[in-house]
N, C-alpha and C. Protein backbone atom coordinates (compact mmCIF):
# COMPACT_ATOMS: atom_id res chain seq x y z
N UNK A 1 -23.00 32.74 39.13
CA UNK A 1 -24.34 31.94 39.42
C UNK A 1 -24.64 30.83 38.24
N UNK A 2 -24.46 29.48 38.70
CA UNK A 2 -24.64 28.27 37.85
C UNK A 2 -25.99 28.35 37.74
N UNK A 3 -26.62 27.60 36.55
CA UNK A 3 -28.19 27.79 36.44
C UNK A 3 -28.35 26.25 36.56
N UNK A 4 -29.73 26.01 37.34
CA UNK A 4 -30.12 24.74 37.34
C UNK A 4 -30.28 24.22 36.26
N UNK A 5 -29.81 22.83 36.08
CA UNK A 5 -30.04 21.86 34.97
C UNK A 5 -31.35 21.70 34.96
N UNK A 6 -31.56 21.36 33.40
CA UNK A 6 -33.35 21.20 33.68
C UNK A 6 -33.50 19.92 33.23
N UNK A 7 -34.87 19.72 33.58
CA UNK A 7 -34.90 17.99 34.24
C UNK A 7 -35.68 17.50 32.88
N UNK A 8 -34.77 17.31 31.68
CA UNK A 8 -35.43 16.68 30.68
C UNK A 8 -35.59 14.96 30.91
N UNK A 9 -36.44 13.88 29.89
CA UNK A 9 -36.37 12.96 29.63
C UNK A 9 -34.75 12.10 29.86
N UNK A 10 -34.05 12.77 28.61
CA UNK A 10 -32.62 12.35 28.54
C UNK A 10 -31.68 12.36 29.78
N UNK A 11 -32.40 13.25 30.77
CA UNK A 11 -31.70 13.77 32.21
C UNK A 11 -31.98 13.02 33.00
N UNK A 12 -33.35 12.67 33.07
CA UNK A 12 -34.04 11.50 33.69
C UNK A 12 -33.19 9.95 33.81
N UNK A 13 -33.36 9.55 32.34
CA UNK A 13 -32.97 8.25 31.92
C UNK A 13 -31.59 8.18 32.45
N UNK A 14 -30.67 9.12 31.92
CA UNK A 14 -29.41 8.59 32.21
C UNK A 14 -29.38 8.21 33.80
N UNK A 15 -29.94 9.58 34.96
CA UNK A 15 -29.96 9.16 36.35
C UNK A 15 -30.47 7.92 36.45
N UNK A 16 -31.16 7.24 36.13
CA UNK A 16 -31.85 5.93 36.78
C UNK A 16 -30.94 5.17 36.24
N UNK A 17 -30.02 5.19 35.06
CA UNK A 17 -29.61 3.92 34.69
C UNK A 17 -29.12 2.80 35.39
N UNK A 18 -28.30 3.24 36.77
CA UNK A 18 -27.78 2.92 38.02
C UNK A 18 -28.48 1.57 38.59
N UNK A 19 -30.07 2.11 39.02
CA UNK A 19 -30.97 1.95 39.26
C UNK A 19 -31.71 0.70 38.70
N UNK A 20 -31.64 1.09 37.08
CA UNK A 20 -32.32 -0.28 36.33
C UNK A 20 -31.10 -1.30 36.37
N UNK A 21 -29.48 -0.83 36.09
CA UNK A 21 -28.51 -1.61 36.05
C UNK A 21 -28.57 -2.64 37.27
N UNK A 22 -28.90 -2.42 38.62
CA UNK A 22 -29.16 -3.01 39.76
C UNK A 22 -30.29 -4.29 39.79
N UNK A 23 -31.33 -3.55 39.01
CA UNK A 23 -32.55 -4.28 39.00
C UNK A 23 -32.34 -5.54 37.97
N UNK A 24 -32.13 -5.05 36.87
CA UNK A 24 -31.10 -6.02 35.84
C UNK A 24 -30.51 -7.02 36.61
N UNK A 25 -29.69 -6.71 37.35
CA UNK A 25 -28.69 -7.55 37.77
C UNK A 25 -29.02 -8.31 39.14
N UNK A 26 -30.28 -8.30 38.99
CA UNK A 26 -30.64 -8.99 40.37
C UNK A 26 -30.71 -10.39 40.76
N UNK A 27 -30.69 -11.09 39.31
CA UNK A 27 -30.54 -12.43 39.10
C UNK A 27 -28.66 -12.96 38.57
N UNK A 28 -28.33 -13.54 40.30
CA UNK A 28 -27.10 -13.73 40.29
C UNK A 28 -26.37 -13.91 38.91
N UNK A 29 -26.71 -14.71 38.03
CA UNK A 29 -25.83 -15.13 36.62
C UNK A 29 -25.87 -14.00 35.98
N UNK A 30 -26.74 -13.26 36.14
CA UNK A 30 -26.57 -11.81 35.25
C UNK A 30 -25.31 -10.98 35.90
N UNK A 31 -25.56 -10.94 37.25
CA UNK A 31 -24.32 -10.05 38.20
C UNK A 31 -23.21 -10.99 38.03
N UNK A 32 -23.06 -11.99 37.80
CA UNK A 32 -21.60 -12.71 37.85
C UNK A 32 -21.25 -12.60 36.44
N UNK A 33 -21.88 -12.44 35.16
CA UNK A 33 -21.61 -12.12 34.01
C UNK A 33 -21.32 -10.71 33.87
N UNK A 34 -21.86 -9.95 34.76
CA UNK A 34 -21.49 -8.37 34.33
C UNK A 34 -20.14 -7.73 35.26
N UNK A 35 -19.62 -9.19 36.37
CA UNK A 35 -18.48 -9.02 36.77
C UNK A 35 -17.42 -9.18 35.88
N UNK A 36 -17.93 -10.14 35.13
CA UNK A 36 -16.99 -11.05 34.46
C UNK A 36 -16.17 -10.14 33.29
N UNK A 37 -17.55 -9.32 32.31
CA UNK A 37 -17.25 -8.50 31.16
C UNK A 37 -16.26 -7.43 32.17
N UNK A 38 -16.92 -6.96 33.04
CA UNK A 38 -16.12 -5.54 33.50
C UNK A 38 -14.44 -5.91 33.84
N UNK A 39 -14.25 -7.22 34.13
CA UNK A 39 -12.87 -7.89 34.64
C UNK A 39 -12.01 -8.02 33.73
N UNK A 40 -12.79 -8.31 32.81
CA UNK A 40 -12.07 -9.09 30.84
C UNK A 40 -11.58 -7.90 30.28
N UNK A 41 -12.55 -6.53 30.48
CA UNK A 41 -12.08 -5.53 29.62
C UNK A 41 -11.15 -4.65 30.74
N UNK A 42 -11.24 -4.57 31.48
CA UNK A 42 -9.78 -4.06 32.40
C UNK A 42 -8.62 -4.80 32.24
N UNK A 43 -9.07 -5.92 32.17
CA UNK A 43 -8.10 -6.98 31.63
C UNK A 43 -7.11 -6.90 30.70
N UNK A 44 -8.01 -6.28 29.57
CA UNK A 44 -7.77 -5.92 28.07
C UNK A 44 -7.08 -4.68 28.00
N UNK A 45 -7.51 -4.08 28.68
CA UNK A 45 -6.86 -2.56 28.59
C UNK A 45 -5.79 -2.40 29.39
N UNK A 46 -5.53 -3.19 30.68
CA UNK A 46 -3.97 -3.03 31.04
C UNK A 46 -3.23 -3.92 30.40
N UNK A 47 -3.47 -4.69 29.78
CA UNK A 47 -2.41 -5.71 29.29
C UNK A 47 -2.11 -4.89 27.78
N UNK A 48 -3.11 -3.86 27.00
CA UNK A 48 -2.99 -3.18 26.33
C UNK A 48 -1.97 -2.07 26.25
N UNK A 49 -2.16 -1.45 27.67
CA UNK A 49 -1.81 -0.06 27.79
C UNK A 49 0.10 -0.55 28.13
N UNK A 50 0.64 -2.08 28.64
CA UNK A 50 1.32 -2.31 29.25
C UNK A 50 2.21 -2.91 27.83
N UNK A 51 1.23 -3.40 27.08
CA UNK A 51 1.99 -3.77 25.59
C UNK A 51 2.70 -2.60 24.50
N UNK A 52 1.67 -1.64 24.46
CA UNK A 52 1.91 -0.70 23.76
C UNK A 52 2.79 0.57 24.44
N UNK A 53 2.99 0.55 26.00
CA UNK A 53 4.21 0.97 26.31
C UNK A 53 5.53 0.56 26.13
N UNK A 54 5.49 -1.11 26.52
CA UNK A 54 6.91 -1.75 26.23
C UNK A 54 7.22 -1.57 24.94
N UNK A 55 6.22 -1.62 23.90
CA UNK A 55 6.37 -1.50 22.23
C UNK A 55 7.33 -0.16 21.96
N UNK A 56 6.61 0.81 22.34
CA UNK A 56 6.96 2.07 21.98
C UNK A 56 8.55 2.60 22.85
N UNK A 57 8.49 2.17 23.80
CA UNK A 57 9.63 2.52 24.60
C UNK A 57 9.85 4.22 25.15
N UNK A 58 9.02 4.60 24.73
CA UNK A 58 9.21 6.36 24.33
C UNK A 58 9.04 7.13 25.92
N UNK A 59 7.71 6.49 26.21
CA UNK A 59 7.27 7.23 27.44
C UNK A 59 6.97 6.81 28.69
N UNK A 60 7.69 5.62 29.40
CA UNK A 60 7.62 4.77 30.19
C UNK A 60 7.01 5.34 31.09
N UNK A 61 7.97 6.29 31.68
CA UNK A 61 7.61 6.95 33.39
C UNK A 61 6.35 7.68 32.86
N UNK A 62 6.04 8.60 31.85
CA UNK A 62 4.86 8.88 31.93
C UNK A 62 3.61 7.92 31.98
N UNK A 63 3.53 6.93 31.07
CA UNK A 63 2.84 5.79 31.23
C UNK A 63 2.25 5.37 32.82
N UNK A 64 3.59 4.84 33.39
CA UNK A 64 3.41 4.44 34.46
C UNK A 64 2.67 5.70 35.63
N UNK A 65 3.28 6.82 35.20
CA UNK A 65 2.38 7.68 36.10
C UNK A 65 0.87 7.88 36.16
N UNK A 66 0.74 8.01 34.51
CA UNK A 66 -0.77 8.26 34.08
C UNK A 66 -1.61 6.77 34.63
N UNK A 67 -1.23 5.52 35.03
CA UNK A 67 -1.57 4.15 35.25
C UNK A 67 -1.95 4.08 37.13
N UNK A 68 -0.59 4.83 37.73
CA UNK A 68 -0.77 4.94 39.02
C UNK A 68 -2.09 6.02 39.48
N UNK A 69 -2.01 6.88 38.49
CA UNK A 69 -3.02 7.60 38.67
C UNK A 69 -4.70 7.53 38.82
N UNK A 70 -4.19 6.71 37.52
CA UNK A 70 -5.91 6.35 37.43
C UNK A 70 -6.28 5.27 38.19
N UNK A 71 -5.02 4.44 38.54
CA UNK A 71 -5.65 3.16 40.18
C UNK A 71 -5.77 4.04 41.12
N UNK A 72 -5.51 5.37 41.46
CA UNK A 72 -5.51 5.78 42.86
C UNK A 72 -6.62 6.97 43.17
N UNK A 73 -6.78 7.00 41.88
CA UNK A 73 -8.48 7.73 41.52
C UNK A 73 -9.45 6.86 41.63
N UNK A 74 -9.02 5.49 41.38
CA UNK A 74 -10.33 4.59 41.68
C UNK A 74 -10.49 4.21 43.03
N UNK A 75 -9.10 3.92 43.13
CA UNK A 75 -9.21 4.30 45.09
C UNK A 75 -10.20 5.25 46.15
N UNK A 76 -9.60 6.62 45.62
CA UNK A 76 -10.25 7.24 46.38
C UNK A 76 -11.72 7.76 45.82
N UNK A 77 -11.84 7.07 44.60
CA UNK A 77 -13.46 7.49 44.47
C UNK A 77 -14.18 6.19 44.88
N UNK A 78 -13.67 5.47 45.50
CA UNK A 78 -14.61 4.44 46.41
C UNK A 78 -14.91 4.66 47.73
N UNK A 79 -13.54 5.51 48.02
CA UNK A 79 -13.67 5.47 49.51
C UNK A 79 -14.43 6.86 49.53
N UNK A 80 -14.65 7.77 48.98
CA UNK A 80 -15.41 8.62 49.21
C UNK A 80 -16.66 8.93 48.91
N UNK A 81 -17.25 8.00 48.23
CA UNK A 81 -19.07 7.35 48.09
C UNK A 81 -19.24 7.54 49.66
N UNK A 82 -20.76 8.80 49.73
CA UNK A 82 -21.30 8.24 50.69
C UNK A 82 -21.68 6.95 51.11
N UNK A 83 -21.86 6.41 51.89
CA UNK A 83 -22.64 5.15 52.12
C UNK A 83 -23.98 4.99 51.86
N UNK A 84 -24.45 6.18 52.43
CA UNK A 84 -26.46 6.14 52.11
C UNK A 84 -26.31 6.14 50.35
N UNK A 85 -25.34 6.77 49.35
CA UNK A 85 -25.54 6.71 48.12
C UNK A 85 -24.99 5.11 47.48
N UNK A 86 -24.36 5.03 48.18
CA UNK A 86 -23.05 3.72 47.56
C UNK A 86 -23.76 2.38 47.28
N UNK A 87 -23.61 1.84 46.25
CA UNK A 87 -24.47 0.88 45.82
C UNK A 87 -23.76 -0.39 46.05
N UNK A 88 -24.36 -1.16 46.26
CA UNK A 88 -23.20 -2.42 46.44
C UNK A 88 -22.77 -3.12 45.00
N UNK A 89 -23.60 -2.78 43.85
CA UNK A 89 -23.26 -3.17 42.68
C UNK A 89 -21.99 -2.26 42.01
N UNK A 90 -22.41 -1.06 42.20
CA UNK A 90 -21.16 -0.36 41.66
C UNK A 90 -19.97 -0.18 42.32
N UNK A 91 -20.05 -0.25 43.58
CA UNK A 91 -18.48 -0.72 44.14
C UNK A 91 -17.87 -1.88 43.44
N UNK A 92 -18.84 -2.65 43.70
CA UNK A 92 -18.39 -4.10 42.94
C UNK A 92 -17.74 -3.78 41.66
N UNK A 93 -18.47 -3.36 40.99
CA UNK A 93 -17.95 -3.23 39.31
C UNK A 93 -16.67 -2.19 39.26
N UNK A 94 -16.80 -1.25 40.25
CA UNK A 94 -15.42 -0.31 40.40
C UNK A 94 -14.00 -1.57 40.99
N UNK A 95 -14.59 -2.10 42.21
CA UNK A 95 -13.12 -3.14 42.52
C UNK A 95 -12.80 -4.06 41.31
N UNK A 96 -13.65 -4.59 40.94
CA UNK A 96 -13.60 -5.53 39.33
C UNK A 96 -13.05 -4.89 38.64
N UNK A 97 -13.05 -3.63 38.03
CA UNK A 97 -12.30 -2.87 37.20
C UNK A 97 -10.73 -3.10 37.61
N UNK A 98 -10.78 -2.45 38.98
CA UNK A 98 -9.33 -2.13 39.52
C UNK A 98 -8.42 -3.77 39.45
N UNK A 99 -9.11 -4.63 39.70
CA UNK A 99 -8.51 -5.75 39.84
C UNK A 99 -8.29 -6.23 38.37
N UNK A 100 -9.01 -6.22 37.19
CA UNK A 100 -8.65 -6.66 35.93
C UNK A 100 -7.70 -5.33 35.64
N UNK A 101 -7.58 -4.32 36.03
CA UNK A 101 -6.65 -3.36 35.42
C UNK A 101 -4.99 -3.90 35.59
N UNK A 102 -5.14 -4.19 37.09
CA UNK A 102 -4.16 -4.22 38.11
C UNK A 102 -3.56 -5.93 37.34
N UNK A 103 -4.28 -6.55 37.39
CA UNK A 103 -3.77 -7.63 36.52
C UNK A 103 -3.24 -7.99 35.68
N UNK A 104 -3.79 -7.28 34.23
CA UNK A 104 -3.19 -7.00 33.24
C UNK A 104 -2.05 -6.36 33.39
N UNK A 105 -1.59 -5.24 34.10
CA UNK A 105 -0.40 -4.88 34.23
C UNK A 105 0.63 -5.63 34.63
N UNK A 106 -0.02 -6.34 35.39
CA UNK A 106 0.89 -7.16 36.25
C UNK A 106 1.38 -8.35 35.01
N UNK A 107 0.46 -9.02 34.66
CA UNK A 107 0.71 -9.91 33.88
C UNK A 107 1.63 -9.60 32.64
N UNK A 108 1.74 -8.26 32.01
CA UNK A 108 2.62 -7.91 31.18
C UNK A 108 3.73 -7.57 31.72
N UNK A 109 4.09 -6.69 32.82
CA UNK A 109 5.35 -6.57 33.14
C UNK A 109 5.87 -7.97 33.42
N UNK A 110 5.05 -9.21 34.01
CA UNK A 110 5.74 -10.90 34.36
C UNK A 110 6.49 -11.00 32.92
N UNK A 111 5.75 -10.76 31.69
CA UNK A 111 6.20 -11.05 30.44
C UNK A 111 7.31 -10.37 29.76
N UNK A 112 7.74 -9.28 30.58
CA UNK A 112 9.18 -8.58 30.14
C UNK A 112 10.33 -8.93 31.02
N UNK A 113 10.07 -10.07 31.75
CA UNK A 113 11.04 -10.45 33.08
C UNK A 113 12.10 -11.48 31.96
């Protein structure tokens, strides 16, 4: 039987991080800048995954499988969040990361044509 996690100050602080981020992002400019940072970071990751796989050309099917699994996990994660706990900001950040990752991969794929 697992023991109950001890409620420490660090545990409480990490637990309230999303609430503090939502409070910080109540300003529209901060919210848009946060979305832009997430989209561009995911775009960079997607572009680098495609470039590394293209240069190495050793594990293309495995790399594609991992990317598809990550994207599918992001879709299922968003769908399974209970609507009562689902915060609008976290859903939008997850969607922004998914869009940036997919756009980076697509752009890298079009470069190879």
